[in-house]
C-alpha atoms as a PDB file:
ATOM      1  CA  UNK A   1      28.244-164.841 -30.842  1.00  0.00           C
ATOM      2  CA  UNK A   2      28.370-168.488 -30.130  1.00  0.00           C
ATOM      3  CA  UNK A   3      27.595-168.274 -26.552  1.00  0.00           C
ATOM      4  CA  UNK A   4      23.734-167.708 -27.609  1.00  0.00           C
ATOM      5  CA  UNK A   5      23.827-170.661 -29.749  1.00  0.00           C
ATOM      6  CA  UNK A   6      24.435-173.238 -26.956  1.00  0.00           C
ATOM      7  CA  UNK A   7      22.025-171.836 -24.449  1.00  0.00           C
ATOM      8  CA  UNK A   8      21.512-169.836 -21.574  1.00  0.00           C
ATOM      9  CA  UNK A   9      22.420-172.737 -19.256  1.00  0.00           C
ATOM     10  CA  UNK A  10      25.657-173.873 -21.369  1.00  0.00           C
ATOM     11  CA  UNK A  11      26.764-170.135 -21.340  1.00  0.00           C
ATOM     12  CA  UNK A  12      26.455-169.728 -17.760  1.00  0.00           C
ATOM     13  CA  UNK A  13      28.192-172.863 -16.809  1.00  0.00           C
ATOM     14  CA  UNK A  14      31.059-171.988 -19.170  1.00  0.00           C
ATOM     15  CA  UNK A  15      31.145-168.682 -17.574  1.00  0.00           C
ATOM     16  CA  UNK A  16      31.504-170.024 -14.121  1.00  0.00           C
ATOM     17  CA  UNK A  17      34.857-171.690 -15.310  1.00  0.00           C
ATOM     18  CA  UNK A  18      38.004-170.213 -14.150  1.00  0.00           C
ATOM     19  CA  UNK A  19      39.633-170.318 -17.302  1.00  0.00           C
ATOM     20  CA  UNK A  20      37.103-168.966 -19.380  1.00  0.00           C
ATOM     21  CA  UNK A  21      37.932-165.223 -20.502  1.00  0.00           C
ATOM     22  CA  UNK A  22      34.120-164.360 -19.608  1.00  0.00           C
ATOM     23  CA  UNK A  23      34.459-165.240 -16.011  1.00  0.00           C
ATOM     24  CA  UNK A  24      34.325-162.474 -13.707  1.00  0.00           C
ATOM     25  CA  UNK A  25      37.210-162.998 -11.754  1.00  0.00           C
ATOM     26  CA  UNK A  26      39.258-163.038 -15.202  1.00  0.00           C
ATOM     27  CA  UNK A  27      37.452-159.703 -16.395  1.00  0.00           C
ATOM     28  CA  UNK A  28      38.456-158.042 -12.939  1.00  0.00           C
ATOM     29  CA  UNK A  29      42.036-159.048 -13.441  1.00  0.00           C
ATOM     30  CA  UNK A  30      41.947-157.990 -17.248  1.00  0.00           C
ATOM     31  CA  UNK A  31      40.536-154.634 -15.965  1.00  0.00           C
ATOM     32  CA  UNK A  32      43.145-154.021 -13.084  1.00  0.00           C
ATOM     33  CA  UNK A  33      46.062-154.899 -15.452  1.00  0.00           C
ATOM     34  CA  UNK A  34      44.736-152.393 -18.278  1.00  0.00           C
ATOM     35  CA  UNK A  35      44.662-149.567 -15.520  1.00  0.00           C
ATOM     36  CA  UNK A  36      48.031-150.349 -14.233  1.00  0.00           C
ATOM     37  CA  UNK A  37      49.412-150.658 -17.951  1.00  0.00           C
ATOM     38  CA  UNK A  38      47.489-146.745 -18.242  1.00  0.00           C
ATOM     39  CA  UNK A  39      48.465-145.402 -15.246  1.00  0.00           C
ATOM     40  CA  UNK A  40      52.552-146.556 -16.163  1.00  0.00           C
ATOM     41  CA  UNK A  41      52.248-144.869 -19.510  1.00  0.00           C
ATOM     42  CA  UNK A  42      50.904-141.649 -17.762  1.00  0.00           C
ATOM     43  CA  UNK A  43      53.913-141.935 -15.101  1.00  0.00           C
ATOM     44  CA  UNK A  44      56.532-142.529 -18.191  1.00  0.00           C
ATOM     45  CA  UNK A  45      54.966-139.579 -19.820  1.00  0.00           C
ATOM     46  CA  UNK A  46      55.219-137.212 -17.347  1.00  0.00           C
ATOM     47  CA  UNK A  47      58.865-138.289 -16.443  1.00  0.00           C
ATOM     48  CA  UNK A  48      59.933-137.826 -20.082  1.00  0.00           C
ATOM     49  CA  UNK A  49      58.079-133.977 -20.050  1.00  0.00           C
ATOM     50  CA  UNK A  50      60.191-133.363 -16.496  1.00  0.00           C
ATOM     51  CA  UNK A  51      63.167-134.654 -18.089  1.00  0.00           C
ATOM     52  CA  UNK A  52      63.001-132.559 -21.176  1.00  0.00           C
ATOM     53  CA  UNK A  53      62.403-129.446 -19.128  1.00  0.00           C
ATOM     54  CA  UNK A  54      65.535-130.231 -17.056  1.00  0.00           C
ATOM     55  CA  UNK A  55      67.325-130.492 -20.121  1.00  0.00           C
ATOM     56  CA  UNK A  56      66.000-126.876 -21.631  1.00  0.00           C
ATOM     57  CA  UNK A  57      66.792-125.054 -18.156  1.00  0.00           C
ATOM     58  CA  UNK A  58      70.319-126.635 -17.875  1.00  0.00           C
ATOM     59  CA  UNK A  59      70.840-125.406 -21.511  1.00  0.00           C
ATOM     60  CA  UNK A  60      69.743-122.240 -20.711  1.00  0.00           C
ATOM     61  CA  UNK A  61      72.095-121.926 -17.724  1.00  0.00           C
ATOM     62  CA  UNK A  62      74.841-122.819 -19.729  1.00  0.00           C
ATOM     63  CA  UNK A  63      73.757-120.066 -22.448  1.00  0.00           C
ATOM     64  CA  UNK A  64      73.933-117.322 -19.829  1.00  0.00           C
ATOM     65  CA  UNK A  65      77.079-118.368 -18.461  1.00  0.00           C
ATOM     66  CA  UNK A  66      78.691-118.682 -21.547  1.00  0.00           C
ATOM     67  CA  UNK A  67      77.419-114.903 -22.517  1.00  0.00           C
ATOM     68  CA  UNK A  68      78.551-113.527 -18.865  1.00  0.00           C
ATOM     69  CA  UNK A  69      81.916-114.871 -19.726  1.00  0.00           C
ATOM     70  CA  UNK A  70      82.317-113.520 -22.970  1.00  0.00           C
ATOM     71  CA  UNK A  71      81.212-110.119 -21.523  1.00  0.00           C
ATOM     72  CA  UNK A  72      83.771-110.118 -18.675  1.00  0.00           C
ATOM     73  CA  UNK A  73      86.396-111.287 -21.207  1.00  0.00           C
ATOM     74  CA  UNK A  74      85.392-108.281 -23.435  1.00  0.00           C
ATOM     75  CA  UNK A  75      85.688-105.923 -20.721  1.00  0.00           C
ATOM     76  CA  UNK A  76      88.924-107.189 -19.482  1.00  0.00           C
ATOM     77  CA  UNK A  77      90.473-106.281 -23.091  1.00  0.00           C
ATOM     78  CA  UNK A  78      88.895-102.706 -23.085  1.00  0.00           C
ATOM     79  CA  UNK A  79      89.652-102.115 -19.746  1.00  0.00           C
ATOM     80  CA  UNK A  80      93.515-100.760 -18.890  1.00  0.00           C
ATOM     81  CA  UNK A  81      94.955-102.688 -15.730  1.00  0.00           C
ATOM     82  CA  UNK A  82      95.176-100.368 -12.901  1.00  0.00           C
ATOM     83  CA  UNK A  83      98.269-100.056 -10.731  1.00  0.00           C
ATOM     84  CA  UNK A  84      98.028-100.936  -6.899  1.00  0.00           C
ATOM     85  CA  UNK A  85     100.007 -97.868  -6.505  1.00  0.00           C
ATOM     86  CA  UNK A  86      98.060 -95.295  -8.371  1.00  0.00           C
ATOM     87  CA  UNK A  87      96.601 -92.283  -6.514  1.00  0.00           C
ATOM     88  CA  UNK A  88      94.260 -89.944  -8.194  1.00  0.00           C
ATOM     89  CA  UNK A  89      95.392 -86.481  -8.941  1.00  0.00           C
ATOM     90  CA  UNK A  90      92.752 -85.092  -6.841  1.00  0.00           C
ATOM     91  CA  UNK A  91      94.517 -86.617  -3.393  1.00  0.00           C
ATOM     92  CA  UNK A  92      97.540 -85.008  -2.686  1.00  0.00           C
ATOM     93  CA  UNK A  93      97.245 -85.820   1.084  1.00  0.00           C
ATOM     94  CA  UNK A  94      95.440 -88.436   2.839  1.00  0.00           C
ATOM     95  CA  UNK A  95      93.398 -87.457   5.905  1.00  0.00           C
ATOM     96  CA  UNK A  96      95.377 -83.976   5.542  1.00  0.00           C
ATOM     97  CA  UNK A  97      97.532 -84.948   7.735  1.00  0.00           C
ATOM     98  CA  UNK A  98     101.714 -84.177   7.732  1.00  0.00           C
ATOM     99  CA  UNK A  99     101.989 -87.878   8.592  1.00  0.00           C
ATOM    100  CA  UNK A 100      99.945 -89.332   5.726  1.00  0.00           C
ATOM    101  CA  UNK A 101     100.391 -92.767   4.251  1.00  0.00           C
ATOM    102  CA  UNK A 102     100.465 -91.990   0.595  1.00  0.00           C
ATOM    103  CA  UNK A 103     101.763 -88.437  -0.870  1.00  0.00           C
ATOM    104  CA  UNK A 104     101.887 -87.681  -4.076  1.00  0.00           C
ATOM    105  CA  UNK A 105     104.515 -85.013  -5.370  1.00  0.00           C
ATOM    106  CA  UNK A 106     103.117 -83.000  -8.464  1.00  0.00           C
ATOM    107  CA  UNK A 107     105.505 -82.750 -11.170  1.00  0.00           C
ATOM    108  CA  UNK A 108     107.962 -79.591 -11.467  1.00  0.00           C
ATOM    109  CA  UNK A 109     106.791 -76.905 -14.100  1.00  0.00           C
ATOM    110  CA  UNK A 110     109.626 -78.145 -16.603  1.00  0.00           C
ATOM    111  CA  UNK A 111     108.389 -81.721 -16.074  1.00  0.00           C
ATOM    112  CA  UNK A 112     104.835 -81.032 -16.479  1.00  0.00           C
ATOM    113  CA  UNK A 113     105.500 -79.063 -19.874  1.00  0.00           C
ATOM    114  CA  UNK A 114     107.531 -81.675 -21.140  1.00  0.00           C
ATOM    115  CA  UNK A 115     105.299 -84.526 -20.024  1.00  0.00           C
ATOM    116  CA  UNK A 116     101.908 -83.572 -19.485  1.00  0.00           C
ATOM    117  CA  UNK A 117     100.358 -86.806 -19.858  1.00  0.00           C
ATOM    118  CA  UNK A 118     103.052 -88.476 -17.370  1.00  0.00           C
ATOM    119  CA  UNK A 119     101.740 -89.870 -13.811  1.00  0.00           C
ATOM    120  CA  UNK A 120     102.438 -88.277 -10.874  1.00  0.00           C
ATOM    121  CA  UNK A 121     105.072 -90.026  -8.711  1.00  0.00           C
ATOM    122  CA  UNK A 122     104.356 -91.343  -5.275  1.00  0.00           C
ATOM    123  CA  UNK A 123     106.177 -91.685  -2.042  1.00  0.00           C
ATOM    124  CA  UNK A 124     104.934 -94.094   0.429  1.00  0.00           C
ATOM    125  CA  UNK A 125     105.971 -93.248   3.752  1.00  0.00           C
ATOM    126  CA  UNK A 126     105.235 -94.395   7.488  1.00  0.00           C
ATOM    127  CA  UNK A 127     102.144 -93.159   9.045  1.00  0.00           C
ATOM    128  CA  UNK A 128     104.450 -92.401  12.789  1.00  0.00           C
ATOM    129  CA  UNK A 129     106.902 -89.862  13.154  1.00  0.00           C
ATOM    130  CA  UNK A 130     110.616 -90.680  12.772  1.00  0.00           C
ATOM    131  CA  UNK A 131     113.613 -89.304  13.602  1.00  0.00           C
ATOM    132  CA  UNK A 132     112.169 -86.529  15.997  1.00  0.00           C
ATOM    133  CA  UNK A 133     114.517 -85.768  18.731  1.00  0.00           C
ATOM    134  CA  UNK A 134     112.477 -84.118  21.789  1.00  0.00           C
ATOM    135  CA  UNK A 135     113.614 -82.503  24.732  1.00  0.00           C
ATOM    136  CA  UNK A 136     117.303 -82.697  23.968  1.00  0.00           C
ATOM    137  CA  UNK A 137     117.482 -86.230  23.141  1.00  0.00           C
ATOM    138  CA  UNK A 138     119.921 -87.745  20.437  1.00  0.00           C
ATOM    139  CA  UNK A 139     117.919 -90.657  20.459  1.00  0.00           C
ATOM    140  CA  UNK A 140     114.418 -91.335  20.002  1.00  0.00           C
ATOM    141  CA  UNK A 141     112.214 -92.762  22.746  1.00  0.00           C
ATOM    142  CA  UNK A 142     112.211 -96.679  22.775  1.00  0.00           C
ATOM    143  CA  UNK A 143     115.741 -97.098  21.865  1.00  0.00           C
ATOM    144  CA  UNK A 144     116.456 -98.209  25.186  1.00  0.00           C
ATOM    145  CA  UNK A 145     115.010-100.883  27.309  1.00  0.00           C
ATOM    146  CA  UNK A 146     115.443-101.141  30.862  1.00  0.00           C
ATOM    147  CA  UNK A 147     114.929-104.885  32.160  1.00  0.00           C
ATOM    148  CA  UNK A 148     114.607-103.996  35.978  1.00  0.00           C
ATOM    149  CA  UNK A 149     111.865-101.785  35.779  1.00  0.00           C
ATOM    150  CA  UNK A 150     110.601-103.433  32.328  1.00  0.00           C
ATOM    151  CA  UNK A 151     110.274-100.056  30.614  1.00  0.00           C
ATOM    152  CA  UNK A 152     111.055 -98.125  27.415  1.00  0.00           C
ATOM    153  CA  UNK A 153     113.326 -94.928  27.459  1.00  0.00           C
ATOM    154  CA  UNK A 154     116.306 -93.022  25.578  1.00  0.00           C
ATOM    155  CA  UNK A 155     119.078 -94.872  25.018  1.00  0.00           C
ATOM    156  CA  UNK A 156     121.560 -91.438  24.872  1.00  0.00           C
ATOM    157  CA  UNK A 157     120.994 -90.818  28.830  1.00  0.00           C
ATOM    158  CA  UNK A 158     119.092 -94.303  29.611  1.00  0.00           C
ATOM    159  CA  UNK A 159     116.019 -92.262  30.925  1.00  0.00           C
ATOM    160  CA  UNK A 160     112.905 -94.020  31.054  1.00  0.00           C
ATOM    161  CA  UNK A 161     110.591 -90.766  31.708  1.00  0.00           C
ATOM    162  CA  UNK A 162     109.391 -89.936  28.258  1.00  0.00           C
ATOM    163  CA  UNK A 163     109.021 -86.316  29.079  1.00  0.00           C
ATOM    164  CA  UNK A 164     112.227 -85.576  31.212  1.00  0.00           C
ATOM    165  CA  UNK A 165     114.908 -83.601  29.459  1.00  0.00           C
ATOM    166  CA  UNK A 166     118.038 -85.222  28.585  1.00  0.00           C
ATOM    167  CA  UNK A 167     120.770 -85.429  30.949  1.00  0.00           C
ATOM    168  CA  UNK A 168     123.640 -86.599  28.572  1.00  0.00           C
ATOM    169  CA  UNK A 169     124.236 -83.114  27.175  1.00  0.00           C
ATOM    170  CA  UNK A 170     124.342 -81.528  30.501  1.00  0.00           C
ATOM    171  CA  UNK A 171     126.827 -83.840  31.601  1.00  0.00           C
ATOM    172  CA  UNK A 172     129.015 -83.675  28.591  1.00  0.00           C
ATOM    173  CA  UNK A 173     128.984 -79.709  28.891  1.00  0.00           C
ATOM    174  CA  UNK A 174     130.229 -79.784  32.274  1.00  0.00           C
ATOM    175  CA  UNK A 175     133.145 -82.208  31.305  1.00  0.00           C
ATOM    176  CA  UNK A 176     134.434 -80.169  28.309  1.00  0.00           C
ATOM    177  CA  UNK A 177     133.893 -77.160  30.772  1.00  0.00           C
ATOM    178  CA  UNK A 178     136.422 -78.987  33.306  1.00  0.00           C
ATOM    179  CA  UNK A 179     138.770 -80.106  30.667  1.00  0.00           C
ATOM    180  CA  UNK A 180     138.925 -76.516  29.181  1.00  0.00           C
ATOM    181  CA  UNK A 181     141.946 -74.574  30.490  1.00  0.00           C
ATOM    182  CA  UNK A 182     140.477 -71.597  32.614  1.00  0.00           C
ATOM    183  CA  UNK A 183     142.427 -68.662  30.622  1.00  0.00           C
ATOM    184  CA  UNK A 184     144.155 -67.605  33.476  1.00  0.00           C
ATOM    185  CA  UNK A 185     148.119 -67.836  33.478  1.00  0.00           C
ATOM    186  CA  UNK A 186     150.445 -67.906  36.278  1.00  0.00           C
ATOM    187  CA  UNK A 187     153.671 -65.822  36.727  1.00  0.00           C
ATOM    188  CA  UNK A 188     156.111 -68.608  35.773  1.00  0.00           C
ATOM    189  CA  UNK A 189     154.031 -69.055  32.698  1.00  0.00           C
ATOM    190  CA  UNK A 190     154.343 -65.465  31.546  1.00  0.00           C
ATOM    191  CA  UNK A 191     158.101 -65.145  32.719  1.00  0.00           C
ATOM    192  CA  UNK A 192     158.822 -68.694  30.320  1.00  0.00           C
ATOM    193  CA  UNK A 193     156.710 -66.909  27.502  1.00  0.00           C
ATOM    194  CA  UNK A 194     158.255 -63.699  27.903  1.00  0.00           C
ATOM    195  CA  UNK A 195     161.744 -65.409  27.455  1.00  0.00           C
ATOM    196  CA  UNK A 196     160.856 -67.653  24.484  1.00  0.00           C
ATOM    197  CA  UNK A 197     159.890 -64.310  22.383  1.00  0.00           C
ATOM    198  CA  UNK A 198     163.082 -62.809  22.342  1.00  0.00           C
ATOM    199  CA  UNK A 199     164.895 -66.251  21.679  1.00  0.00           C
ATOM    200  CA  UNK A 200     162.829 -66.546  18.580  1.00  0.00           C
ATOM    201  CA  UNK A 201     163.999 -63.171  17.386  1.00  0.00           C
ATOM    202  CA  UNK A 202     167.821 -63.623  17.780  1.00  0.00           C
ATOM    203  CA  UNK A 203     167.274 -66.658  15.970  1.00  0.00           C
ATOM    204  CA  UNK A 204     165.562 -64.518  13.271  1.00  0.00           C
ATOM    205  CA  UNK A 205     168.342 -62.186  12.933  1.00  0.00           C
ATOM    206  CA  UNK A 206     171.118 -64.473  13.407  1.00  0.00           C
ATOM    207  CA  UNK A 207     169.973 -66.189  10.339  1.00  0.00           C
ATOM    208  CA  UNK A 208     169.411 -62.880   8.331  1.00  0.00           C
ATOM    209  CA  UNK A 209     173.033 -61.958   9.114  1.00  0.00           C
ATOM    210  CA  UNK A 210     174.340 -65.557   7.843  1.00  0.00           C
ATOM    211  CA  UNK A 211     172.494 -65.284   4.464  1.00  0.00           C
ATOM    212  CA  UNK A 212     174.269 -61.753   4.018  1.00  0.00           C
ATOM    213  CA  UNK A 213     177.561 -63.008   4.637  1.00  0.00           C
ATOM    214  CA  UNK A 214     176.754 -65.470   2.346  1.00  0.00           C
ATOM    215  CA  UNK A 215     175.580 -63.195  -0.337  1.00  0.00           C
ATOM    216  CA  UNK A 216     178.659 -60.968   0.041  1.00  0.00           C
ATOM    217  CA  UNK A 217     181.015 -63.920  -0.272  1.00  0.00           C
ATOM    218  CA  UNK A 218     179.207 -65.150  -3.428  1.00  0.00           C
ATOM    219  CA  UNK A 219     179.831 -61.184  -4.898  1.00  0.00           C
ATOM    220  CA  UNK A 220     183.620 -61.080  -3.977  1.00  0.00           C
ATOM    221  CA  UNK A 221     184.137 -64.273  -5.554  1.00  0.00           C
ATOM    222  CA  UNK A 222     182.252 -63.161  -8.866  1.00  0.00           C
ATOM    223  CA  UNK A 223     184.454 -59.827  -8.655  1.00  0.00           C
END
């Protein structure tokens, strides 16, 4: 260019000026600015690609979630709601014990013929034995609490020993035996009974005679 026309000395002099673009320092600054600009463009490109990838993954997750929700709704519509009290027909007794929690009662023959598709009724019972009176007691163990000994017992006889027999029944039987008459009469009672019997018989005879006299009078009046 024109730098060659003015001579080498003039060109070198101009290149050493700080304001000239051909200066070494200016060339270095230009190169650094260009490299920085390239790095910034590269960083922005990577960020745009990363953002696009995140958007794509989010969209895929949303689509998968919508598909799962749709499948679950379809499943709920197809399936019939199961009752919490429903028991399978095969299990008639839980744990094969007499005090099962849930027992199924088979329908009677007539009901099964009429309603074959009807579900079996269930009865919920306690797992503990109730109203079982042992050792002659009229109440269950635990119906009475002794505060002195801080123990449970039977209310009928106030006994705290679980294996003891009921003492209330024996005491009542003894009391009834004492109140009951012995069945033996004294001589005075026998005499009073013997006197009462003929008296009653006489009353009956007198009553019958009075009736006959009355009847006779009526007959005479008619004649």
